[in-house]
Amino acid sequence: MWEEVICTTFFISFSSHAQFHLGAKAGANLTKLDGQSFNDKFELGYQLGGFVYYNLNDFLGLQMEVFFNQTNTEIADSYSDIIDQSFENDKKLNYVSVPLLLRLNTDGLLTISAGPQFSFMMNENVLNNGKKLFKDSDFAAIVGAELNLFPIIIYGRYTWGFADISDFGGDVKSQQIQLGVAFRFF
């Protein structure tokens, strides 16, 4: 009797552990801020963090990530003459980003993922008079794909910002291409 209970408990624990995965990731960001105040080109940044996902079944899973996300941008030349004395044209925006993703075909060769991303700014960007340039948070949607070569995962994503992130003027939304490599520990 006790042997059956122990074997059943071990089997259930092992089965649920096989559905739960943890890993680390690092990659490059190509970010563009849409708005008249900013240059209309992608700037290089980076990302570094971790992820956890749970397979609901062989086809569906849920993934949560937390990572440091650097967004670089440049103020448009037409605005640089006006604000040149206040700050440099190149800006680095550092965020902690938290995507919540639905995963399709979770442990196959190719995984498609999509969902919302919430980002919280870590650095202050202010003019000399103390006015903030950027808001404290961002909200975006992500769609992407992963090539699963376990334990290595190669991924690419596109992120669309929905929130206006500028306190500087005009409606400014971010777009980001993310490319990187992840390592799944288990």
N, C-alpha and C. Protein backbone atom coordinates (compact mmCIF):
# COMPACT_ATOMS: atom_id res chain seq x y z
N MET A 1 0.81 -1.19 0.00
CA MET A 1 0.00 0.00 0.00
C MET A 1 0.86 1.26 0.00
N TRP A 2 1.80 1.37 0.98
CA TRP A 2 2.67 2.54 1.05
C TRP A 2 3.56 2.65 -0.17
N GLU A 3 3.98 1.53 -0.70
CA GLU A 3 4.82 1.54 -1.91
C GLU A 3 4.06 2.14 -3.08
N GLU A 4 2.77 1.83 -3.20
CA GLU A 4 1.96 2.38 -4.28
C GLU A 4 1.78 3.88 -4.12
N VAL A 5 1.56 4.33 -2.89
CA VAL A 5 1.41 5.76 -2.62
C VAL A 5 2.70 6.50 -2.94
N ILE A 6 3.82 5.97 -2.51
CA ILE A 6 5.12 6.60 -2.78
C ILE A 6 5.40 6.63 -4.28
N CYS A 7 5.16 5.53 -4.97
CA CYS A 7 5.39 5.47 -6.43
C CYS A 7 4.47 6.45 -7.15
N THR A 8 3.21 6.53 -6.75
CA THR A 8 2.26 7.45 -7.38
C THR A 8 2.68 8.90 -7.13
N THR A 9 3.06 9.23 -5.90
CA THR A 9 3.52 10.58 -5.57
C THR A 9 4.76 10.94 -6.38
N PHE A 10 5.72 10.04 -6.47
CA PHE A 10 6.93 10.26 -7.25
C PHE A 10 6.58 10.48 -8.72
N PHE A 11 5.69 9.68 -9.27
CA PHE A 11 5.30 9.79 -10.68
C PHE A 11 4.63 11.14 -10.94
N ILE A 12 3.69 11.55 -10.07
CA ILE A 12 3.01 12.84 -10.23
C ILE A 12 4.00 13.99 -10.12
N SER A 13 4.91 13.92 -9.15
CA SER A 13 5.93 14.97 -8.99
C SER A 13 6.83 15.04 -10.20
N PHE A 14 7.28 13.92 -10.71
CA PHE A 14 8.15 13.89 -11.87
C PHE A 14 7.41 14.39 -13.11
N SER A 15 6.15 14.00 -13.27
CA SER A 15 5.37 14.43 -14.43
C SER A 15 5.15 15.93 -14.42
N SER A 16 4.80 16.50 -13.26
CA SER A 16 4.58 17.94 -13.22
C SER A 16 5.89 18.69 -13.38
N HIS A 17 7.00 18.13 -12.87
CA HIS A 17 8.30 18.77 -13.05
C HIS A 17 8.69 18.80 -14.53
N ALA A 18 8.34 17.78 -15.27
CA ALA A 18 8.67 17.72 -16.69
C ALA A 18 7.91 18.78 -17.48
N GLN A 19 6.80 19.31 -16.95
CA GLN A 19 6.02 20.34 -17.62
C GLN A 19 6.53 21.75 -17.32
N PHE A 20 7.33 21.91 -16.29
CA PHE A 20 7.81 23.20 -15.81
C PHE A 20 9.26 23.39 -16.26
N HIS A 21 9.58 24.54 -16.88
CA HIS A 21 10.92 24.77 -17.41
C HIS A 21 11.42 26.15 -17.00
N LEU A 22 12.72 26.25 -16.79
CA LEU A 22 13.36 27.48 -16.34
C LEU A 22 14.60 27.72 -17.19
N GLY A 23 14.89 29.00 -17.50
CA GLY A 23 16.07 29.29 -18.30
C GLY A 23 16.49 30.74 -18.25
N ALA A 24 17.58 31.03 -18.95
CA ALA A 24 18.14 32.39 -19.05
C ALA A 24 18.21 32.77 -20.51
N LYS A 25 18.20 34.07 -20.78
CA LYS A 25 18.23 34.54 -22.16
C LYS A 25 19.04 35.82 -22.28
N ALA A 26 19.58 36.04 -23.47
CA ALA A 26 20.31 37.26 -23.78
C ALA A 26 20.17 37.54 -25.26
N GLY A 27 20.13 38.81 -25.62
CA GLY A 27 19.98 39.11 -27.03
C GLY A 27 20.12 40.59 -27.33
N ALA A 28 19.84 40.91 -28.58
CA ALA A 28 19.93 42.27 -29.09
C ALA A 28 18.53 42.82 -29.35
N ASN A 29 18.38 44.11 -29.15
CA ASN A 29 17.14 44.82 -29.46
C ASN A 29 17.43 45.81 -30.57
N LEU A 30 16.57 45.88 -31.54
CA LEU A 30 16.57 46.95 -32.51
C LEU A 30 15.27 47.71 -32.27
N THR A 31 15.39 48.96 -31.78
CA THR A 31 14.22 49.71 -31.34
C THR A 31 14.08 51.00 -32.13
N LYS A 32 12.83 51.32 -32.43
CA LYS A 32 12.50 52.58 -33.10
C LYS A 32 11.34 53.20 -32.33
N LEU A 33 11.45 54.49 -32.04
CA LEU A 33 10.35 55.23 -31.42
C LEU A 33 9.67 56.04 -32.52
N ASP A 34 8.38 55.81 -32.70
CA ASP A 34 7.60 56.54 -33.69
C ASP A 34 7.08 57.82 -33.07
N GLY A 35 7.45 58.93 -33.67
CA GLY A 35 7.01 60.23 -33.20
C GLY A 35 7.84 61.29 -33.88
N GLN A 36 7.29 62.48 -34.03
CA GLN A 36 7.99 63.52 -34.79
C GLN A 36 9.26 63.99 -34.10
N SER A 37 9.39 63.77 -32.80
CA SER A 37 10.57 64.22 -32.07
C SER A 37 11.76 63.30 -32.23
N PHE A 38 11.57 62.10 -32.81
CA PHE A 38 12.62 61.09 -32.82
C PHE A 38 12.98 60.68 -34.25
N ASN A 39 14.26 60.31 -34.44
CA ASN A 39 14.70 59.80 -35.73
C ASN A 39 13.95 58.51 -36.05
N ASP A 40 13.57 58.36 -37.30
CA ASP A 40 12.78 57.21 -37.73
C ASP A 40 13.71 56.09 -38.20
N LYS A 41 14.50 55.57 -37.27
CA LYS A 41 15.39 54.45 -37.60
C LYS A 41 15.56 53.57 -36.37
N PHE A 42 15.92 52.31 -36.60
CA PHE A 42 16.13 51.37 -35.51
C PHE A 42 17.51 51.57 -34.91
N GLU A 43 17.57 51.57 -33.57
CA GLU A 43 18.81 51.71 -32.82
C GLU A 43 19.08 50.43 -32.06
N LEU A 44 20.36 50.06 -31.92
CA LEU A 44 20.76 48.82 -31.26
C LEU A 44 20.81 48.96 -29.74
N GLY A 45 20.26 47.98 -29.04
CA GLY A 45 20.32 47.88 -27.59
C GLY A 45 20.50 46.41 -27.23
N TYR A 46 20.24 46.06 -25.98
CA TYR A 46 20.40 44.66 -25.59
C TYR A 46 19.36 44.28 -24.54
N GLN A 47 19.25 42.99 -24.27
CA GLN A 47 18.36 42.45 -23.25
C GLN A 47 19.04 41.29 -22.55
N LEU A 48 18.68 41.10 -21.29
CA LEU A 48 19.27 40.05 -20.48
C LEU A 48 18.28 39.69 -19.37
N GLY A 49 17.98 38.40 -19.22
CA GLY A 49 17.04 38.03 -18.17
C GLY A 49 16.78 36.54 -18.10
N GLY A 50 15.61 36.20 -17.59
CA GLY A 50 15.25 34.81 -17.42
C GLY A 50 13.80 34.55 -17.78
N PHE A 51 13.46 33.27 -17.89
CA PHE A 51 12.10 32.89 -18.24
C PHE A 51 11.72 31.62 -17.50
N VAL A 52 10.43 31.44 -17.39
CA VAL A 52 9.86 30.22 -16.85
C VAL A 52 8.63 29.91 -17.70
N TYR A 53 8.47 28.64 -18.07
CA TYR A 53 7.25 28.29 -18.77
C TYR A 53 6.73 26.94 -18.31
N TYR A 54 5.42 26.81 -18.51
CA TYR A 54 4.73 25.60 -18.09
C TYR A 54 3.93 25.08 -19.27
N ASN A 55 4.14 23.82 -19.62
CA ASN A 55 3.40 23.19 -20.71
C ASN A 55 2.05 22.71 -20.18
N LEU A 56 0.99 23.27 -20.72
CA LEU A 56 -0.35 22.83 -20.36
C LEU A 56 -0.65 21.46 -20.97
N ASN A 57 -0.14 21.26 -22.18
CA ASN A 57 -0.24 19.97 -22.88
C ASN A 57 0.85 19.97 -23.95
N ASP A 58 0.80 19.05 -24.89
CA ASP A 58 1.84 18.97 -25.93
C ASP A 58 1.81 20.15 -26.90
N PHE A 59 0.71 20.87 -26.94
CA PHE A 59 0.56 21.94 -27.93
C PHE A 59 0.57 23.34 -27.32
N LEU A 60 0.09 23.51 -26.09
CA LEU A 60 -0.05 24.83 -25.48
C LEU A 60 0.79 24.96 -24.21
N GLY A 61 1.29 26.16 -24.00
CA GLY A 61 2.03 26.46 -22.78
C GLY A 61 1.90 27.93 -22.43
N LEU A 62 2.29 28.29 -21.22
CA LEU A 62 2.32 29.67 -20.74
C LEU A 62 3.74 30.01 -20.34
N GLN A 63 4.19 31.20 -20.72
CA GLN A 63 5.56 31.62 -20.42
C GLN A 63 5.54 33.01 -19.80
N MET A 64 6.35 33.19 -18.77
CA MET A 64 6.57 34.49 -18.16
C MET A 64 8.07 34.77 -18.15
N GLU A 65 8.43 36.00 -18.42
CA GLU A 65 9.83 36.40 -18.44
C GLU A 65 9.99 37.65 -17.59
N VAL A 66 11.19 37.85 -17.12
CA VAL A 66 11.60 39.11 -16.51
C VAL A 66 12.99 39.39 -17.05
N PHE A 67 13.15 40.54 -17.70
CA PHE A 67 14.47 40.85 -18.24
C PHE A 67 14.73 42.34 -18.28
N PHE A 68 16.01 42.68 -18.23
CA PHE A 68 16.49 44.04 -18.43
C PHE A 68 16.46 44.30 -19.91
N ASN A 69 15.87 45.41 -20.31
CA ASN A 69 15.64 45.70 -21.72
C ASN A 69 16.12 47.12 -22.01
N GLN A 70 17.21 47.28 -22.76
CA GLN A 70 17.72 48.61 -23.08
C GLN A 70 17.21 49.05 -24.44
N THR A 71 16.58 50.23 -24.45
CA THR A 71 16.08 50.85 -25.67
C THR A 71 16.91 52.09 -25.93
N ASN A 72 17.48 52.18 -27.11
CA ASN A 72 18.25 53.37 -27.48
C ASN A 72 17.48 54.14 -28.55
N THR A 73 17.56 55.45 -28.48
CA THR A 73 16.90 56.30 -29.46
C THR A 73 17.70 57.58 -29.65
N GLU A 74 17.31 58.34 -30.64
CA GLU A 74 17.98 59.60 -30.94
C GLU A 74 16.93 60.64 -31.26
N ILE A 75 17.08 61.84 -30.66
CA ILE A 75 16.16 62.94 -30.92
C ILE A 75 16.39 63.42 -32.36
N ALA A 76 15.32 63.72 -33.07
CA ALA A 76 15.40 64.16 -34.46
C ALA A 76 16.19 65.46 -34.56
N ASP A 77 16.90 65.64 -35.69
CA ASP A 77 17.73 66.83 -35.90
C ASP A 77 16.93 68.13 -35.81
N SER A 78 15.67 68.12 -36.26
CA SER A 78 14.87 69.34 -36.24
C SER A 78 14.63 69.85 -34.82
N TYR A 79 14.70 68.95 -33.83
CA TYR A 79 14.51 69.35 -32.44
C TYR A 79 15.82 69.60 -31.72
N SER A 80 16.94 69.18 -32.29
CA SER A 80 18.20 69.29 -31.58
C SER A 80 18.65 70.73 -31.38
N ASP A 81 18.32 71.61 -32.33
CA ASP A 81 18.72 73.01 -32.17
C ASP A 81 17.99 73.67 -31.00
N ILE A 82 16.74 73.30 -30.81
CA ILE A 82 15.92 73.90 -29.76
C ILE A 82 16.35 73.41 -28.38
N ILE A 83 16.65 72.13 -28.29
CA ILE A 83 16.90 71.53 -26.98
C ILE A 83 18.35 71.15 -26.76
N ASP A 84 19.23 71.60 -27.63
CA ASP A 84 20.63 71.19 -27.59
C ASP A 84 21.29 71.47 -26.25
N GLN A 85 20.92 72.56 -25.62
CA GLN A 85 21.54 72.92 -24.35
C GLN A 85 20.99 72.10 -23.17
N SER A 86 19.87 71.43 -23.37
CA SER A 86 19.21 70.72 -22.28
C SER A 86 19.72 69.31 -22.07
N PHE A 87 20.00 68.57 -23.16
CA PHE A 87 20.49 67.20 -23.04
C PHE A 87 21.02 66.73 -24.38
N GLU A 88 21.73 65.63 -24.35
CA GLU A 88 22.28 65.06 -25.57
C GLU A 88 21.17 64.42 -26.39
N ASN A 89 21.39 64.31 -27.71
CA ASN A 89 20.39 63.74 -28.61
C ASN A 89 20.21 62.24 -28.42
N ASP A 90 21.27 61.52 -28.05
CA ASP A 90 21.18 60.08 -27.84
C ASP A 90 20.63 59.80 -26.45
N LYS A 91 19.61 58.93 -26.38
CA LYS A 91 19.01 58.57 -25.10
C LYS A 91 19.02 57.06 -24.94
N LYS A 92 19.30 56.60 -23.74
CA LYS A 92 19.23 55.19 -23.38
C LYS A 92 18.09 55.04 -22.37
N LEU A 93 17.10 54.25 -22.73
CA LEU A 93 15.97 53.99 -21.85
C LEU A 93 16.12 52.57 -21.33
N ASN A 94 16.23 52.43 -20.03
CA ASN A 94 16.41 51.11 -19.41
C ASN A 94 15.10 50.68 -18.74
N TYR A 95 14.61 49.53 -19.17
CA TYR A 95 13.35 49.00 -18.67
C TYR A 95 13.54 47.64 -18.03
N VAL A 96 12.68 47.31 -17.08
CA VAL A 96 12.46 45.94 -16.66
C VAL A 96 11.18 45.54 -17.37
N SER A 97 11.26 44.53 -18.24
CA SER A 97 10.13 44.09 -19.04
C SER A 97 9.63 42.74 -18.55
N VAL A 98 8.31 42.60 -18.55
CA VAL A 98 7.66 41.37 -18.08
C VAL A 98 6.63 40.93 -19.12
N PRO A 99 7.04 40.06 -20.07
CA PRO A 99 6.07 39.51 -21.01
C PRO A 99 5.32 38.32 -20.41
N LEU A 100 4.06 38.18 -20.76
CA LEU A 100 3.23 37.03 -20.41
C LEU A 100 2.75 36.43 -21.72
N LEU A 101 3.27 35.26 -22.07
CA LEU A 101 3.09 34.74 -23.42
C LEU A 101 2.35 33.41 -23.45
N LEU A 102 1.56 33.24 -24.49
CA LEU A 102 0.96 31.95 -24.81
C LEU A 102 1.89 31.28 -25.80
N ARG A 103 2.25 30.02 -25.54
CA ARG A 103 3.17 29.27 -26.40
C ARG A 103 2.40 28.20 -27.17
N LEU A 104 2.65 28.11 -28.47
CA LEU A 104 2.04 27.07 -29.31
C LEU A 104 3.12 26.11 -29.75
N ASN A 105 2.87 24.78 -29.61
CA ASN A 105 3.83 23.72 -29.92
C ASN A 105 5.06 23.87 -29.02
N THR A 106 4.84 23.78 -27.73
CA THR A 106 5.83 24.19 -26.73
C THR A 106 7.15 23.44 -26.76
N ASP A 107 7.17 22.16 -26.98
CA ASP A 107 8.45 21.45 -26.95
C ASP A 107 8.81 20.83 -28.30
N GLY A 108 8.21 21.31 -29.37
CA GLY A 108 8.59 20.86 -30.70
C GLY A 108 9.80 21.63 -31.19
N LEU A 109 10.16 21.45 -32.44
CA LEU A 109 11.29 22.16 -33.02
C LEU A 109 11.02 23.66 -33.13
N LEU A 110 9.78 24.03 -33.44
CA LEU A 110 9.42 25.43 -33.61
C LEU A 110 8.29 25.79 -32.65
N THR A 111 8.45 26.89 -31.92
CA THR A 111 7.42 27.38 -31.01
C THR A 111 7.05 28.79 -31.43
N ILE A 112 5.75 29.07 -31.50
CA ILE A 112 5.24 30.41 -31.76
C ILE A 112 4.72 30.94 -30.43
N SER A 113 5.01 32.21 -30.13
CA SER A 113 4.55 32.80 -28.88
C SER A 113 3.97 34.18 -29.14
N ALA A 114 2.99 34.55 -28.32
CA ALA A 114 2.37 35.87 -28.43
C ALA A 114 1.75 36.25 -27.10
N GLY A 115 1.68 37.55 -26.85
CA GLY A 115 1.04 38.04 -25.64
C GLY A 115 1.45 39.46 -25.30
N PRO A 116 0.98 39.96 -24.17
CA PRO A 116 1.31 41.32 -23.75
C PRO A 116 2.66 41.41 -23.05
N GLN A 117 3.23 42.61 -23.06
CA GLN A 117 4.46 42.88 -22.32
C GLN A 117 4.28 44.18 -21.55
N PHE A 118 4.59 44.15 -20.28
CA PHE A 118 4.56 45.32 -19.42
C PHE A 118 6.00 45.69 -19.11
N SER A 119 6.34 46.97 -19.28
CA SER A 119 7.72 47.43 -19.03
C SER A 119 7.69 48.62 -18.09
N PHE A 120 8.68 48.64 -17.19
CA PHE A 120 8.78 49.69 -16.18
C PHE A 120 10.16 50.33 -16.27
N MET A 121 10.19 51.66 -16.47
CA MET A 121 11.45 52.37 -16.65
C MET A 121 12.27 52.38 -15.37
N MET A 122 13.58 52.19 -15.54
CA MET A 122 14.50 52.17 -14.40
C MET A 122 15.32 53.45 -14.28
N ASN A 123 15.45 54.23 -15.35
CA ASN A 123 16.28 55.43 -15.29
C ASN A 123 15.43 56.67 -15.51
N GLU A 124 15.90 57.80 -15.02
CA GLU A 124 15.22 59.07 -15.17
C GLU A 124 15.84 59.83 -16.34
N ASN A 125 14.99 60.37 -17.21
CA ASN A 125 15.42 61.21 -18.31
C ASN A 125 14.70 62.54 -18.17
N VAL A 126 15.43 63.56 -17.73
CA VAL A 126 14.79 64.85 -17.46
C VAL A 126 15.55 65.97 -18.16
N LEU A 127 14.83 67.04 -18.47
CA LEU A 127 15.44 68.27 -18.98
C LEU A 127 16.05 69.01 -17.80
N ASN A 128 16.81 70.06 -18.10
CA ASN A 128 17.43 70.84 -17.03
C ASN A 128 16.40 71.44 -16.07
N ASN A 129 15.18 71.73 -16.56
CA ASN A 129 14.16 72.31 -15.71
C ASN A 129 13.39 71.26 -14.92
N GLY A 130 13.78 70.00 -15.00
CA GLY A 130 13.16 68.94 -14.22
C GLY A 130 11.99 68.25 -14.88
N LYS A 131 11.59 68.68 -16.07
CA LYS A 131 10.48 68.01 -16.76
C LYS A 131 10.95 66.66 -17.29
N LYS A 132 10.13 65.63 -17.06
CA LYS A 132 10.47 64.29 -17.52
C LYS A 132 10.29 64.19 -19.03
N LEU A 133 11.16 63.41 -19.67
CA LEU A 133 11.07 63.17 -21.11
C LEU A 133 10.20 61.97 -21.43
N PHE A 134 10.24 60.93 -20.57
CA PHE A 134 9.54 59.69 -20.86
C PHE A 134 8.71 59.26 -19.65
N LYS A 135 7.62 58.57 -19.93
CA LYS A 135 6.75 58.05 -18.88
C LYS A 135 7.40 56.84 -18.21
N ASP A 136 6.89 56.47 -17.06
CA ASP A 136 7.49 55.42 -16.25
C ASP A 136 7.19 54.00 -16.71
N SER A 137 6.23 53.82 -17.64
CA SER A 137 5.88 52.46 -18.05
C SER A 137 5.52 52.42 -19.53
N ASP A 138 5.47 51.21 -20.05
CA ASP A 138 5.11 50.96 -21.44
C ASP A 138 4.28 49.69 -21.47
N PHE A 139 3.39 49.61 -22.44
CA PHE A 139 2.57 48.41 -22.65
C PHE A 139 2.68 48.06 -24.12
N ALA A 140 2.96 46.78 -24.41
CA ALA A 140 3.17 46.36 -25.79
C ALA A 140 2.60 44.96 -26.01
N ALA A 141 2.54 44.57 -27.28
CA ALA A 141 2.17 43.20 -27.67
C ALA A 141 3.37 42.57 -28.37
N ILE A 142 3.56 41.29 -28.14
CA ILE A 142 4.70 40.56 -28.71
C ILE A 142 4.19 39.40 -29.55
N VAL A 143 4.85 39.16 -30.67
CA VAL A 143 4.67 37.93 -31.43
C VAL A 143 6.06 37.47 -31.85
N GLY A 144 6.32 36.17 -31.74
CA GLY A 144 7.65 35.70 -32.06
C GLY A 144 7.71 34.20 -32.29
N ALA A 145 8.91 33.75 -32.61
CA ALA A 145 9.14 32.33 -32.87
C ALA A 145 10.46 31.91 -32.22
N GLU A 146 10.51 30.63 -31.84
CA GLU A 146 11.72 30.04 -31.26
C GLU A 146 12.09 28.79 -32.02
N LEU A 147 13.37 28.61 -32.22
CA LEU A 147 13.92 27.37 -32.75
C LEU A 147 14.50 26.62 -31.56
N ASN A 148 13.89 25.46 -31.22
CA ASN A 148 14.25 24.71 -30.02
C ASN A 148 15.28 23.64 -30.34
N LEU A 149 16.50 23.88 -29.91
CA LEU A 149 17.61 22.93 -30.06
C LEU A 149 18.09 22.61 -28.64
N PHE A 150 17.19 22.07 -27.84
CA PHE A 150 17.40 21.93 -26.39
C PHE A 150 18.76 21.40 -26.04
N PRO A 151 19.43 22.07 -25.09
CA PRO A 151 18.95 23.11 -24.19
C PRO A 151 19.06 24.53 -24.76
N ILE A 152 19.58 24.68 -25.97
CA ILE A 152 19.72 26.00 -26.59
C ILE A 152 18.45 26.35 -27.35
N ILE A 153 18.01 27.61 -27.23
CA ILE A 153 16.85 28.12 -27.95
C ILE A 153 17.27 29.40 -28.65
N ILE A 154 16.99 29.49 -29.93
CA ILE A 154 17.25 30.71 -30.71
C ILE A 154 15.89 31.37 -30.96
N TYR A 155 15.77 32.66 -30.67
CA TYR A 155 14.46 33.30 -30.79
C TYR A 155 14.53 34.63 -31.53
N GLY A 156 13.40 35.00 -32.10
CA GLY A 156 13.18 36.29 -32.74
C GLY A 156 11.77 36.75 -32.44
N ARG A 157 11.60 38.04 -32.21
CA ARG A 157 10.29 38.60 -31.85
C ARG A 157 10.12 39.99 -32.44
N TYR A 158 8.86 40.36 -32.54
CA TYR A 158 8.53 41.74 -32.87
C TYR A 158 7.60 42.26 -31.79
N THR A 159 7.87 43.46 -31.30
CA THR A 159 7.09 44.07 -30.22
C THR A 159 6.48 45.38 -30.71
N TRP A 160 5.17 45.52 -30.53
CA TRP A 160 4.47 46.75 -30.88
C TRP A 160 4.05 47.45 -29.61
N GLY A 161 4.48 48.69 -29.44
CA GLY A 161 4.07 49.47 -28.28
C GLY A 161 2.72 50.10 -28.50
N PHE A 162 1.84 50.00 -27.50
CA PHE A 162 0.51 50.61 -27.58
C PHE A 162 0.42 51.89 -26.78
N ALA A 163 1.26 52.04 -25.78
CA ALA A 163 1.18 53.20 -24.88
C ALA A 163 2.05 54.34 -25.41
N ASP A 164 1.59 55.56 -25.20
CA ASP A 164 2.39 56.74 -25.49
C ASP A 164 3.43 56.86 -24.37
N ILE A 165 4.71 56.75 -24.71
CA ILE A 165 5.76 56.74 -23.69
C ILE A 165 6.42 58.09 -23.48
N SER A 166 6.04 59.11 -24.25
CA SER A 166 6.72 60.40 -24.18
C SER A 166 5.97 61.41 -23.31
N ASP A 167 6.72 62.10 -22.47
CA ASP A 167 6.22 63.29 -21.78
C ASP A 167 6.80 64.53 -22.44
N PHE A 168 7.57 64.33 -23.50
CA PHE A 168 8.30 65.40 -24.17
C PHE A 168 7.42 66.14 -25.17
N GLY A 169 6.53 65.43 -25.81
CA GLY A 169 5.66 66.07 -26.80
C GLY A 169 5.29 65.10 -27.90
N GLY A 170 4.05 65.14 -28.29
CA GLY A 170 3.59 64.26 -29.36
C GLY A 170 3.32 62.85 -28.84
N ASP A 171 2.69 62.06 -29.69
CA ASP A 171 2.37 60.68 -29.38
C ASP A 171 3.54 59.80 -29.83
N VAL A 172 4.22 59.14 -28.88
CA VAL A 172 5.40 58.33 -29.20
C VAL A 172 5.16 56.90 -28.75
N LYS A 173 5.31 55.97 -29.70
CA LYS A 173 5.14 54.54 -29.42
C LYS A 173 6.38 53.81 -29.92
N SER A 174 6.69 52.71 -29.25
CA SER A 174 7.91 51.97 -29.60
C SER A 174 7.60 50.77 -30.49
N GLN A 175 8.58 50.42 -31.30
CA GLN A 175 8.60 49.18 -32.07
C GLN A 175 9.95 48.55 -31.81
N GLN A 176 9.97 47.23 -31.68
CA GLN A 176 11.23 46.58 -31.33
C GLN A 176 11.33 45.21 -31.99
N ILE A 177 12.50 44.94 -32.53
CA ILE A 177 12.85 43.61 -33.03
C ILE A 177 13.83 43.03 -32.02
N GLN A 178 13.53 41.83 -31.51
CA GLN A 178 14.40 41.17 -30.54
C GLN A 178 14.94 39.89 -31.15
N LEU A 179 16.26 39.72 -31.09
CA LEU A 179 16.93 38.51 -31.55
C LEU A 179 17.84 38.04 -30.43
N GLY A 180 17.84 36.73 -30.17
CA GLY A 180 18.69 36.27 -29.08
C GLY A 180 18.79 34.77 -28.94
N VAL A 181 19.48 34.40 -27.87
CA VAL A 181 19.72 33.00 -27.55
C VAL A 181 19.31 32.78 -26.10
N ALA A 182 18.67 31.64 -25.84
CA ALA A 182 18.27 31.28 -24.49
C ALA A 182 18.84 29.90 -24.16
N PHE A 183 19.00 29.66 -22.89
CA PHE A 183 19.47 28.36 -22.40
C PHE A 183 18.45 27.84 -21.40
N ARG A 184 17.87 26.68 -21.69
CA ARG A 184 16.89 26.08 -20.78
C ARG A 184 17.61 25.16 -19.81
N PHE A 185 17.54 25.46 -18.50
CA PHE A 185 18.22 24.66 -17.48
C PHE A 185 17.56 23.31 -17.29
N PHE A 186 16.23 23.29 -17.27
CA PHE A 186 15.48 22.03 -17.18
C PHE A 186 14.10 22.25 -17.73
